[in-house]
Amino acid sequence: MTVTSVPSGRVAGAATGLRQGELLGLTVDRVDFLRRTIRVDRQLVTVSGQAPYLAPPKTPSSTRTIPAPQVGLDALAAHLAAFEPGPDGLVFTDDRGHAIRRPHIGHTWRKAA
């Protein structure tokens, strides 16, 4: 299942303001449903010819804890109820359970933005 084909991925991205790499690198352990926050301290990096990997954000100021609106949390909860987290607890994966590469969602991301 891809973030582009699941309305919850688009809603979560729009509601939280996460950047593309931050959303694709979001893991279950970074979402605090009780405190309604998301810890942003890494992003999914995709480089041609390499496996996707988690890395720190580009700048130190990009590391932050953000408030998560209820609509975003509801979307994430619905997604997690329907789909198992992927490797390393990734919330959004492709149909095979692998990390989603940016080129696979670029056209949809641009429309949503």
PDB file of N, CA and C in Angstrom:
ATOM      1  N   MET A   1       0.848  -1.172   0.000  1.00  0.00           N
ATOM      2  CA  MET A   1       0.000   0.000   0.000  1.00  0.00           C
ATOM      3  C   MET A   1       0.885   1.223   0.000  1.00  0.00           C
ATOM      4  N   THR A   2       0.597   2.162  -0.822  1.00  0.00           N
ATOM      5  CA  THR A   2       1.429   3.354  -0.888  1.00  0.00           C
ATOM      6  C   THR A   2       0.742   4.525  -0.218  1.00  0.00           C
ATOM      7  N   VAL A   3       1.533   5.491   0.160  1.00  0.00           N
ATOM      8  CA  VAL A   3       0.994   6.701   0.773  1.00  0.00           C
ATOM      9  C   VAL A   3       0.102   7.438  -0.220  1.00  0.00           C
ATOM     10  N   THR A   4       0.340   7.255  -1.513  1.00  0.00           N
ATOM     11  CA  THR A   4      -0.446   7.973  -2.509  1.00  0.00           C
ATOM     12  C   THR A   4      -1.823   7.361  -2.703  1.00  0.00           C
ATOM     13  N   SER A   5      -1.962   6.084  -2.441  1.00  0.00           N
ATOM     14  CA  SER A   5      -3.250   5.444  -2.678  1.00  0.00           C
ATOM     15  C   SER A   5      -4.093   5.336  -1.421  1.00  0.00           C
ATOM     16  N   VAL A   6      -3.549   5.779  -0.315  1.00  0.00           N
ATOM     17  CA  VAL A   6      -4.286   5.734   0.943  1.00  0.00           C
ATOM     18  C   VAL A   6      -4.626   7.157   1.351  1.00  0.00           C
ATOM     19  N   PRO A   7      -5.913   7.486   1.415  1.00  0.00           N
ATOM     20  CA  PRO A   7      -6.286   8.839   1.835  1.00  0.00           C
ATOM     21  C   PRO A   7      -5.670   9.230   3.176  1.00  0.00           C
ATOM     22  N   SER A   8      -5.463   8.272   4.060  1.00  0.00           N
ATOM     23  CA  SER A   8      -4.896   8.602   5.369  1.00  0.00           C
ATOM     24  C   SER A   8      -3.504   9.204   5.254  1.00  0.00           C
ATOM     25  N   GLY A   9      -2.724   8.770   4.281  1.00  0.00           N
ATOM     26  CA  GLY A   9      -1.384   9.328   4.084  1.00  0.00           C
ATOM     27  C   GLY A   9      -1.441  10.772   3.651  1.00  0.00           C
ATOM     28  N   ARG A  10      -2.354  11.075   2.754  1.00  0.00           N
ATOM     29  CA  ARG A  10      -2.496  12.459   2.297  1.00  0.00           C
ATOM     30  C   ARG A  10      -3.032  13.338   3.417  1.00  0.00           C
ATOM     31  N   VAL A  11      -3.990  12.837   4.166  1.00  0.00           N
ATOM     32  CA  VAL A  11      -4.560  13.610   5.280  1.00  0.00           C
ATOM     33  C   VAL A  11      -3.498  13.845   6.354  1.00  0.00           C
ATOM     34  N   ALA A  12      -2.766  12.807   6.700  1.00  0.00           N
ATOM     35  CA  ALA A  12      -1.734  12.944   7.726  1.00  0.00           C
ATOM     36  C   ALA A  12      -0.677  13.958   7.293  1.00  0.00           C
ATOM     37  N   GLY A  13      -0.274  13.902   6.053  1.00  0.00           N
ATOM     38  CA  GLY A  13       0.718  14.845   5.555  1.00  0.00           C
ATOM     39  C   GLY A  13       0.211  16.275   5.573  1.00  0.00           C
ATOM     40  N   ALA A  14      -1.014  16.473   5.125  1.00  0.00           N
ATOM     41  CA  ALA A  14      -1.586  17.819   5.100  1.00  0.00           C
ATOM     42  C   ALA A  14      -1.841  18.349   6.510  1.00  0.00           C
ATOM     43  N   ALA A  15      -2.310  17.493   7.407  1.00  0.00           N
ATOM     44  CA  ALA A  15      -2.661  17.933   8.761  1.00  0.00           C
ATOM     45  C   ALA A  15      -1.432  18.245   9.608  1.00  0.00           C
ATOM     46  N   THR A  16      -0.344  17.539   9.383  1.00  0.00           N
ATOM     47  CA  THR A  16       0.831  17.719  10.223  1.00  0.00           C
ATOM     48  C   THR A  16       1.860  18.667   9.635  1.00  0.00           C
ATOM     49  N   GLY A  17       1.819  18.867   8.328  1.00  0.00           N
ATOM     50  CA  GLY A  17       2.804  19.719   7.677  1.00  0.00           C
ATOM     51  C   GLY A  17       4.159  19.062   7.523  1.00  0.00           C
ATOM     52  N   LEU A  18       4.215  17.740   7.694  1.00  0.00           N
ATOM     53  CA  LEU A  18       5.483  17.040   7.532  1.00  0.00           C
ATOM     54  C   LEU A  18       5.960  17.130   6.087  1.00  0.00           C
ATOM     55  N   ARG A  19       7.250  17.265   5.929  1.00  0.00           N
ATOM     56  CA  ARG A  19       7.844  17.237   4.596  1.00  0.00           C
ATOM     57  C   ARG A  19       7.775  15.809   4.065  1.00  0.00           C
ATOM     58  N   GLN A  20       7.938  15.675   2.768  1.00  0.00           N
ATOM     59  CA  GLN A  20       7.804  14.371   2.127  1.00  0.00           C
ATOM     60  C   GLN A  20       8.705  13.310   2.761  1.00  0.00           C
ATOM     61  N   GLY A  21       9.976  13.591   2.904  1.00  0.00           N
ATOM     62  CA  GLY A  21      10.906  12.630   3.496  1.00  0.00           C
ATOM     63  C   GLY A  21      10.581  12.326   4.947  1.00  0.00           C
ATOM     64  N   GLU A  22      10.071  13.334   5.672  1.00  0.00           N
ATOM     65  CA  GLU A  22       9.689  13.141   7.070  1.00  0.00           C
ATOM     66  C   GLU A  22       8.487  12.213   7.182  1.00  0.00           C
ATOM     67  N   LEU A  23       7.522  12.397   6.307  1.00  0.00           N
ATOM     68  CA  LEU A  23       6.332  11.534   6.326  1.00  0.00           C
ATOM     69  C   LEU A  23       6.693  10.112   5.921  1.00  0.00           C
ATOM     70  N   LEU A  24       7.500   9.967   4.872  1.00  0.00           N
ATOM     71  CA  LEU A  24       7.885   8.634   4.423  1.00  0.00           C
ATOM     72  C   LEU A  24       8.783   7.932   5.431  1.00  0.00           C
ATOM     73  N   GLY A  25       9.503   8.687   6.250  1.00  0.00           N
ATOM     74  CA  GLY A  25      10.366   8.112   7.274  1.00  0.00           C
ATOM     75  C   GLY A  25       9.717   8.025   8.649  1.00  0.00           C
ATOM     76  N   LEU A  26       8.437   8.349   8.726  1.00  0.00           N
ATOM     77  CA  LEU A  26       7.736   8.315  10.013  1.00  0.00           C
ATOM     78  C   LEU A  26       7.596   6.878  10.498  1.00  0.00           C
ATOM     79  N   THR A  27       7.998   6.662  11.740  1.00  0.00           N
ATOM     80  CA  THR A  27       7.851   5.345  12.354  1.00  0.00           C
ATOM     81  C   THR A  27       6.889   5.432  13.526  1.00  0.00           C
ATOM     82  N   VAL A  28       6.318   4.306  13.844  1.00  0.00           N
ATOM     83  CA  VAL A  28       5.288   4.239  14.884  1.00  0.00           C
ATOM     84  C   VAL A  28       5.786   4.820  16.202  1.00  0.00           C
ATOM     85  N   ASP A  29       7.046   4.560  16.533  1.00  0.00           N
ATOM     86  CA  ASP A  29       7.562   5.028  17.823  1.00  0.00           C
ATOM     87  C   ASP A  29       7.736   6.539  17.904  1.00  0.00           C
ATOM     88  N   ARG A  30       7.570   7.250  16.790  1.00  0.00           N
ATOM     89  CA  ARG A  30       7.699   8.708  16.788  1.00  0.00           C
ATOM     90  C   ARG A  30       6.332   9.404  16.938  1.00  0.00           C
ATOM     91  N   VAL A  31       5.268   8.630  16.950  1.00  0.00           N
ATOM     92  CA  VAL A  31       3.919   9.190  17.083  1.00  0.00           C
ATOM     93  C   VAL A  31       3.443   8.954  18.514  1.00  0.00           C
ATOM     94  N   ASP A  32       3.123  10.030  19.210  1.00  0.00           N
ATOM     95  CA  ASP A  32       2.614   9.931  20.575  1.00  0.00           C
ATOM     96  C   ASP A  32       1.139  10.326  20.541  1.00  0.00           C
ATOM     97  N   PHE A  33       0.298   9.316  20.457  1.00  0.00           N
ATOM     98  CA  PHE A  33      -1.137   9.561  20.345  1.00  0.00           C
ATOM     99  C   PHE A  33      -1.703  10.214  21.603  1.00  0.00           C
ATOM    100  N   LEU A  34      -1.175   9.880  22.765  1.00  0.00           N
ATOM    101  CA  LEU A  34      -1.690  10.448  24.013  1.00  0.00           C
ATOM    102  C   LEU A  34      -1.348  11.929  24.162  1.00  0.00           C
ATOM    103  N   ARG A  35      -0.132  12.298  23.807  1.00  0.00           N
ATOM    104  CA  ARG A  35       0.280  13.702  23.920  1.00  0.00           C
ATOM    105  C   ARG A  35      -0.031  14.501  22.661  1.00  0.00           C
ATOM    106  N   ARG A  36      -0.500  13.807  21.636  1.00  0.00           N
ATOM    107  CA  ARG A  36      -0.842  14.428  20.347  1.00  0.00           C
ATOM    108  C   ARG A  36       0.351  15.156  19.738  1.00  0.00           C
ATOM    109  N   THR A  37       1.465  14.435  19.685  1.00  0.00           N
ATOM    110  CA  THR A  37       2.674  15.001  19.099  1.00  0.00           C
ATOM    111  C   THR A  37       3.352  13.981  18.187  1.00  0.00           C
ATOM    112  N   ILE A  38       4.203  14.496  17.326  1.00  0.00           N
ATOM    113  CA  ILE A  38       5.040  13.668  16.462  1.00  0.00           C
ATOM    114  C   ILE A  38       6.463  14.169  16.605  1.00  0.00           C
ATOM    115  N   ARG A  39       7.383  13.271  16.861  1.00  0.00           N
ATOM    116  CA  ARG A  39       8.799  13.610  16.969  1.00  0.00           C
ATOM    117  C   ARG A  39       9.422  13.489  15.582  1.00  0.00           C
ATOM    118  N   VAL A  40       9.980  14.588  15.100  1.00  0.00           N
ATOM    119  CA  VAL A  40      10.629  14.615  13.793  1.00  0.00           C
ATOM    120  C   VAL A  40      12.131  14.736  14.041  1.00  0.00           C
ATOM    121  N   ASP A  41      12.816  13.624  13.917  1.00  0.00           N
ATOM    122  CA  ASP A  41      14.263  13.632  14.107  1.00  0.00           C
ATOM    123  C   ASP A  41      14.989  12.828  13.041  1.00  0.00           C
ATOM    124  N   ARG A  42      14.253  12.463  11.993  1.00  0.00           N
ATOM    125  CA  ARG A  42      14.855  11.744  10.871  1.00  0.00           C
ATOM    126  C   ARG A  42      13.929  11.821   9.673  1.00  0.00           C
ATOM    127  N   GLN A  43      14.481  11.446   8.556  1.00  0.00           N
ATOM    128  CA  GLN A  43      13.724  11.429   7.315  1.00  0.00           C
ATOM    129  C   GLN A  43      14.168  10.227   6.492  1.00  0.00           C
ATOM    130  N   LEU A  44      13.339   9.822   5.554  1.00  0.00           N
ATOM    131  CA  LEU A  44      13.715   8.747   4.649  1.00  0.00           C
ATOM    132  C   LEU A  44      14.471   9.357   3.481  1.00  0.00           C
ATOM    133  N   VAL A  45      15.657   8.843   3.243  1.00  0.00           N
ATOM    134  CA  VAL A  45      16.491   9.321   2.146  1.00  0.00           C
ATOM    135  C   VAL A  45      16.508   8.248   1.064  1.00  0.00           C
ATOM    136  N   THR A  46      16.241   8.668  -0.162  1.00  0.00           N
ATOM    137  CA  THR A  46      16.300   7.741  -1.284  1.00  0.00           C
ATOM    138  C   THR A  46      17.305   8.263  -2.299  1.00  0.00           C
ATOM    139  N   VAL A  47      18.288   7.432  -2.586  1.00  0.00           N
ATOM    140  CA  VAL A  47      19.334   7.755  -3.546  1.00  0.00           C
ATOM    141  C   VAL A  47      19.321   6.661  -4.604  1.00  0.00           C
ATOM    142  N   SER A  48      19.355   7.056  -5.847  1.00  0.00           N
ATOM    143  CA  SER A  48      19.342   6.095  -6.943  1.00  0.00           C
ATOM    144  C   SER A  48      20.468   5.076  -6.765  1.00  0.00           C
ATOM    145  N   GLY A  49      20.116   3.813  -6.903  1.00  0.00           N
ATOM    146  CA  GLY A  49      21.099   2.745  -6.800  1.00  0.00           C
ATOM    147  C   GLY A  49      21.374   2.270  -5.388  1.00  0.00           C
ATOM    148  N   GLN A  50      20.737   2.896  -4.388  1.00  0.00           N
ATOM    149  CA  GLN A  50      20.919   2.491  -2.995  1.00  0.00           C
ATOM    150  C   GLN A  50      19.569   2.185  -2.361  1.00  0.00           C
ATOM    151  N   ALA A  51      19.602   1.378  -1.321  1.00  0.00           N
ATOM    152  CA  ALA A  51      18.381   1.117  -0.566  1.00  0.00           C
ATOM    153  C   ALA A  51      18.010   2.378   0.220  1.00  0.00           C
ATOM    154  N   PRO A  52      16.716   2.679   0.353  1.00  0.00           N
ATOM    155  CA  PRO A  52      16.320   3.834   1.174  1.00  0.00           C
ATOM    156  C   PRO A  52      16.813   3.646   2.612  1.00  0.00           C
ATOM    157  N   TYR A  53      17.136   4.762   3.266  1.00  0.00           N
ATOM    158  CA  TYR A  53      17.611   4.682   4.639  1.00  0.00           C
ATOM    159  C   TYR A  53      17.135   5.905   5.426  1.00  0.00           C
ATOM    160  N   LEU A  54      17.087   5.747   6.746  1.00  0.00           N
ATOM    161  CA  LEU A  54      16.704   6.839   7.632  1.00  0.00           C
ATOM    162  C   LEU A  54      17.941   7.651   7.987  1.00  0.00           C
ATOM    163  N   ALA A  55      17.799   8.971   7.948  1.00  0.00           N
ATOM    164  CA  ALA A  55      18.905   9.878   8.263  1.00  0.00           C
ATOM    165  C   ALA A  55      18.350  11.093   8.990  1.00  0.00           C
ATOM    166  N   PRO A  56      19.205  11.817   9.692  1.00  0.00           N
ATOM    167  CA  PRO A  56      18.748  13.034  10.373  1.00  0.00           C
ATOM    168  C   PRO A  56      18.250  14.059   9.344  1.00  0.00           C
ATOM    169  N   PRO A  57      17.408  14.983   9.777  1.00  0.00           N
ATOM    170  CA  PRO A  57      17.001  16.065   8.877  1.00  0.00           C
ATOM    171  C   PRO A  57      18.213  16.868   8.420  1.00  0.00           C
ATOM    172  N   LYS A  58      18.023  17.661   7.373  1.00  0.00           N
ATOM    173  CA  LYS A  58      19.136  18.407   6.787  1.00  0.00           C
ATOM    174  C   LYS A  58      19.764  19.412   7.755  1.00  0.00           C
ATOM    175  N   THR A  59      18.957  20.024   8.592  1.00  0.00           N
ATOM    176  CA  THR A  59      19.490  21.025   9.518  1.00  0.00           C
ATOM    177  C   THR A  59      19.078  20.687  10.950  1.00  0.00           C
ATOM    178  N   PRO A  60      19.861  21.106  11.926  1.00  0.00           N
ATOM    179  CA  PRO A  60      19.501  20.851  13.327  1.00  0.00           C
ATOM    180  C   PRO A  60      18.138  21.450  13.701  1.00  0.00           C
ATOM    181  N   SER A  61      17.781  22.589  13.121  1.00  0.00           N
ATOM    182  CA  SER A  61      16.501  23.210  13.462  1.00  0.00           C
ATOM    183  C   SER A  61      15.306  22.425  12.912  1.00  0.00           C
ATOM    184  N   SER A  62      15.559  21.488  12.007  1.00  0.00           N
ATOM    185  CA  SER A  62      14.477  20.650  11.480  1.00  0.00           C
ATOM    186  C   SER A  62      14.099  19.535  12.444  1.00  0.00           C
ATOM    187  N   THR A  63      14.947  19.276  13.432  1.00  0.00           N
ATOM    188  CA  THR A  63      14.618  18.297  14.466  1.00  0.00           C
ATOM    189  C   THR A  63      13.690  18.984  15.448  1.00  0.00           C
ATOM    190  N   ARG A  64      12.501  18.407  15.624  1.00  0.00           N
ATOM    191  CA  ARG A  64      11.499  19.082  16.433  1.00  0.00           C
ATOM    192  C   ARG A  64      10.405  18.105  16.851  1.00  0.00           C
ATOM    193  N   THR A  65       9.609  18.512  17.802  1.00  0.00           N
ATOM    194  CA  THR A  65       8.391  17.803  18.172  1.00  0.00           C
ATOM    195  C   THR A  65       7.248  18.721  17.796  1.00  0.00           C
ATOM    196  N   ILE A  66       6.345  18.207  16.979  1.00  0.00           N
ATOM    197  CA  ILE A  66       5.247  19.040  16.489  1.00  0.00           C
ATOM    198  C   ILE A  66       3.921  18.597  17.093  1.00  0.00           C
ATOM    199  N   PRO A  67       3.019  19.545  17.299  1.00  0.00           N
ATOM    200  CA  PRO A  67       1.671  19.164  17.726  1.00  0.00           C
ATOM    201  C   PRO A  67       0.969  18.501  16.547  1.00  0.00           C
ATOM    202  N   ALA A  68       0.231  17.460  16.823  1.00  0.00           N
ATOM    203  CA  ALA A  68      -0.476  16.742  15.764  1.00  0.00           C
ATOM    204  C   ALA A  68      -1.975  16.959  15.930  1.00  0.00           C
ATOM    205  N   PRO A  69      -2.613  17.590  14.958  1.00  0.00           N
ATOM    206  CA  PRO A  69      -4.057  17.782  15.031  1.00  0.00           C
ATOM    207  C   PRO A  69      -4.789  16.440  15.075  1.00  0.00           C
ATOM    208  N   GLN A  70      -5.928  16.436  15.697  1.00  0.00           N
ATOM    209  CA  GLN A  70      -6.677  15.191  15.846  1.00  0.00           C
ATOM    210  C   GLN A  70      -6.982  14.542  14.497  1.00  0.00           C
ATOM    211  N   VAL A  71      -7.272  15.340  13.476  1.00  0.00           N
ATOM    212  CA  VAL A  71      -7.569  14.759  12.163  1.00  0.00           C
ATOM    213  C   VAL A  71      -6.356  14.005  11.622  1.00  0.00           C
ATOM    214  N   GLY A  72      -5.147  14.503  11.871  1.00  0.00           N
ATOM    215  CA  GLY A  72      -3.939  13.808  11.438  1.00  0.00           C
ATOM    216  C   GLY A  72      -3.719  12.523  12.215  1.00  0.00           C
ATOM    217  N   LEU A  73      -3.933  12.586  13.522  1.00  0.00           N
ATOM    218  CA  LEU A  73      -3.793  11.390  14.348  1.00  0.00           C
ATOM    219  C   LEU A  73      -4.840  10.344  13.990  1.00  0.00           C
ATOM    220  N   ASP A  74      -6.055  10.788  13.722  1.00  0.00           N
ATOM    221  CA  ASP A  74      -7.102   9.850  13.319  1.00  0.00           C
ATOM    222  C   ASP A  74      -6.734   9.142  12.017  1.00  0.00           C
ATOM    223  N   ALA A  75      -6.156   9.899  11.081  1.00  0.00           N
ATOM    224  CA  ALA A  75      -5.739   9.318   9.805  1.00  0.00           C
ATOM    225  C   ALA A  75      -4.628   8.292  10.024  1.00  0.00           C
ATOM    226  N   LEU A  76      -3.663   8.628  10.868  1.00  0.00           N
ATOM    227  CA  LEU A  76      -2.582   7.686  11.160  1.00  0.00           C
ATOM    228  C   LEU A  76      -3.108   6.437  11.860  1.00  0.00           C
ATOM    229  N   ALA A  77      -4.007   6.623  12.818  1.00  0.00           N
ATOM    230  CA  ALA A  77      -4.575   5.475  13.534  1.00  0.00           C
ATOM    231  C   ALA A  77      -5.364   4.571  12.588  1.00  0.00           C
ATOM    232  N   ALA A  78      -6.133   5.166  11.691  1.00  0.00           N
ATOM    233  CA  ALA A  78      -6.892   4.366  10.722  1.00  0.00           C
ATOM    234  C   ALA A  78      -5.953   3.591   9.809  1.00  0.00           C
ATOM    235  N   HIS A  79      -4.889   4.249   9.382  1.00  0.00           N
ATOM    236  CA  HIS A  79      -3.925   3.570   8.518  1.00  0.00           C
ATOM    237  C   HIS A  79      -3.266   2.399   9.237  1.00  0.00           C
ATOM    238  N   LEU A  80      -2.839   2.635  10.485  1.00  0.00           N
ATOM    239  CA  LEU A  80      -2.177   1.573  11.247  1.00  0.00           C
ATOM    240  C   LEU A  80      -3.127   0.437  11.602  1.00  0.00           C
ATOM    241  N   ALA A  81      -4.413   0.732  11.706  1.00  0.00           N
ATOM    242  CA  ALA A  81      -5.390  -0.324  11.957  1.00  0.00           C
ATOM    243  C   ALA A  81      -5.577  -1.197  10.715  1.00  0.00           C
ATOM    244  N   ALA A  82      -5.387  -0.605   9.552  1.00  0.00           N
ATOM    245  CA  ALA A  82      -5.589  -1.333   8.296  1.00  0.00           C
ATOM    246  C   ALA A  82      -4.321  -2.002   7.775  1.00  0.00           C
ATOM    247  N   PHE A  83      -3.152  -1.431   8.102  1.00  0.00           N
ATOM    248  CA  PHE A  83      -1.898  -1.920   7.543  1.00  0.00           C
ATOM    249  C   PHE A  83      -0.828  -2.053   8.621  1.00  0.00           C
ATOM    250  N   GLU A  84      -0.135  -3.171   8.605  1.00  0.00           N
ATOM    251  CA  GLU A  84       0.974  -3.407   9.535  1.00  0.00           C
ATOM    252  C   GLU A  84       2.112  -2.429   9.250  1.00  0.00           C
ATOM    253  N   PRO A  85       2.790  -1.961  10.281  1.00  0.00           N
ATOM    254  CA  PRO A  85       3.982  -1.148  10.037  1.00  0.00           C
ATOM    255  C   PRO A  85       5.019  -1.968   9.270  1.00  0.00           C
ATOM    256  N   GLY A  86       5.837  -1.279   8.520  1.00  0.00           N
ATOM    257  CA  GLY A  86       6.860  -1.943   7.729  1.00  0.00           C
ATOM    258  C   GLY A  86       8.152  -2.114   8.491  1.00  0.00           C
ATOM    259  N   PRO A  87       9.240  -2.308   7.743  1.00  0.00           N
ATOM    260  CA  PRO A  87      10.539  -2.478   8.390  1.00  0.00           C
ATOM    261  C   PRO A  87      10.884  -1.265   9.252  1.00  0.00           C
ATOM    262  N   ASP A  88      11.491  -1.518  10.363  1.00  0.00           N
ATOM    263  CA  ASP A  88      11.873  -0.449  11.297  1.00  0.00           C
ATOM    264  C   ASP A  88      10.675   0.331  11.802  1.00  0.00           C
ATOM    265  N   GLY A  89       9.463  -0.225  11.675  1.00  0.00           N
ATOM    266  CA  GLY A  89       8.270   0.454  12.167  1.00  0.00           C
ATOM    267  C   GLY A  89       7.737   1.531  11.251  1.00  0.00           C
ATOM    268  N   LEU A  90       8.185   1.558   9.985  1.00  0.00           N
ATOM    269  CA  LEU A  90       7.688   2.572   9.044  1.00  0.00           C
ATOM    270  C   LEU A  90       6.169   2.530   8.952  1.00  0.00           C
ATOM    271  N   VAL A  91       5.546   3.685   9.047  1.00  0.00           N
ATOM    272  CA  VAL A  91       4.087   3.766   8.967  1.00  0.00           C
ATOM    273  C   VAL A  91       3.617   3.519   7.544  1.00  0.00           C
ATOM    274  N   PHE A  92       4.282   4.132   6.573  1.00  0.00           N
ATOM    275  CA  PHE A  92       3.859   4.018   5.176  1.00  0.00           C
ATOM    276  C   PHE A  92       4.872   3.200   4.379  1.00  0.00           C
ATOM    277  N   THR A  93       4.382   2.156   3.726  1.00  0.00           N
ATOM    278  CA  THR A  93       5.227   1.297   2.909  1.00  0.00           C
ATOM    279  C   THR A  93       4.514   0.993   1.594  1.00  0.00           C
ATOM    280  N   ASP A  94       5.241   0.351   0.685  1.00  0.00           N
ATOM    281  CA  ASP A  94       4.617  -0.047  -0.576  1.00  0.00           C
ATOM    282  C   ASP A  94       3.887  -1.383  -0.390  1.00  0.00           C
ATOM    283  N   ASP A  95       3.385  -1.928  -1.477  1.00  0.00           N
ATOM    284  CA  ASP A  95       2.607  -3.168  -1.406  1.00  0.00           C
ATOM    285  C   ASP A  95       3.400  -4.361  -0.883  1.00  0.00           C
ATOM    286  N   ARG A  96       4.718  -4.285  -0.959  1.00  0.00           N
ATOM    287  CA  ARG A  96       5.568  -5.380  -0.495  1.00  0.00           C
ATOM    288  C   ARG A  96       6.140  -5.135   0.897  1.00  0.00           C
ATOM    289  N   GLY A  97       5.734  -4.029   1.532  1.00  0.00           N
ATOM    290  CA  GLY A  97       6.221  -3.723   2.871  1.00  0.00           C
ATOM    291  C   GLY A  97       7.548  -2.999   2.895  1.00  0.00           C
ATOM    292  N   HIS A  98       7.976  -2.484   1.745  1.00  0.00           N
ATOM    293  CA  HIS A  98       9.245  -1.760   1.662  1.00  0.00           C
ATOM    294  C   HIS A  98       9.015  -0.253   1.774  1.00  0.00           C
ATOM    295  N   ALA A  99      10.067   0.455   2.126  1.00  0.00           N
ATOM    296  CA  ALA A  99       9.999   1.915   2.177  1.00  0.00           C
ATOM    297  C   ALA A  99       9.601   2.458   0.805  1.00  0.00           C
ATOM    298  N   ILE A 100       8.828   3.530   0.820  1.00  0.00           N
ATOM    299  CA  ILE A 100       8.368   4.143  -0.426  1.00  0.00           C
ATOM    300  C   ILE A 100       9.423   5.126  -0.910  1.00  0.00           C
ATOM    301  N   ARG A 101       9.800   4.997  -2.160  1.00  0.00           N
ATOM    302  CA  ARG A 101      10.787   5.906  -2.746  1.00  0.00           C
ATOM    303  C   ARG A 101      10.083   7.173  -3.226  1.00  0.00           C
ATOM    304  N   ARG A 102      10.728   8.302  -3.035  1.00  0.00           N
ATOM    305  CA  ARG A 102      10.146   9.589  -3.412  1.00  0.00           C
ATOM    306  C   ARG A 102       9.661   9.660  -4.858  1.00  0.00           C
ATOM    307  N   PRO A 103      10.422   9.146  -5.831  1.00  0.00           N
ATOM    308  CA  PRO A 103       9.942   9.256  -7.213  1.00  0.00           C
ATOM    309  C   PRO A 103       8.578   8.589  -7.448  1.00  0.00           C
ATOM    310  N   HIS A 104       8.217   7.646  -6.596  1.00  0.00           N
ATOM    311  CA  HIS A 104       6.946   6.949  -6.767  1.00  0.00           C
ATOM    312  C   HIS A 104       5.749   7.760  -6.305  1.00  0.00           C
ATOM    313  N   ILE A 105       5.986   8.845  -5.577  1.00  0.00           N
ATOM    314  CA  ILE A 105       4.854   9.653  -5.117  1.00  0.00           C
ATOM    315  C   ILE A 105       4.955  11.117  -5.514  1.00  0.00           C
ATOM    316  N   GLY A 106       5.995  11.475  -6.221  1.00  0.00           N
ATOM    317  CA  GLY A 106       6.233  12.877  -6.552  1.00  0.00           C
ATOM    318  C   GLY A 106       5.071  13.573  -7.215  1.00  0.00           C
ATOM    319  N   HIS A 107       4.453  12.928  -8.202  1.00  0.00           N
ATOM    320  CA  HIS A 107       3.348  13.575  -8.920  1.00  0.00           C
ATOM    321  C   HIS A 107       2.153  13.829  -8.005  1.00  0.00           C
ATOM    322  N   THR A 108       1.862  12.895  -7.135  1.00  0.00           N
ATOM    323  CA  THR A 108       0.736  13.069  -6.209  1.00  0.00           C
ATOM    324  C   THR A 108       1.072  14.111  -5.154  1.00  0.00           C
ATOM    325  N   TRP A 109       2.315  14.096  -4.675  1.00  0.00           N
ATOM    326  CA  TRP A 109       2.731  15.065  -3.655  1.00  0.00           C
ATOM    327  C   TRP A 109       2.608  16.485  -4.184  1.00  0.00           C
ATOM    328  N   ARG A 110       3.044  16.701  -5.417  1.00  0.00           N
ATOM    329  CA  ARG A 110       2.980  18.050  -5.999  1.00  0.00           C
ATOM    330  C   ARG A 110       1.533  18.518  -6.127  1.00  0.00           C
ATOM    331  N   LYS A 111       0.628  17.628  -6.500  1.00  0.00           N
ATOM    332  CA  LYS A 111      -0.790  18.009  -6.602  1.00  0.00           C
ATOM    333  C   LYS A 111      -1.342  18.385  -5.235  1.00  0.00           C
ATOM    334  N   ALA A 112      -0.979  17.611  -4.210  1.00  0.00           N
ATOM    335  CA  ALA A 112      -1.484  17.900  -2.868  1.00  0.00           C
ATOM    336  C   ALA A 112      -0.916  19.201  -2.324  1.00  0.00           C
ATOM    337  N   ALA A 113       0.347  19.471  -2.638  1.00  0.00           N
ATOM    338  CA  ALA A 113       0.982  20.694  -2.144  1.00  0.00           C
ATOM    339  C   ALA A 113       0.356  21.901  -2.810  1.00  0.00           C
TER     340      ALA A 113
END
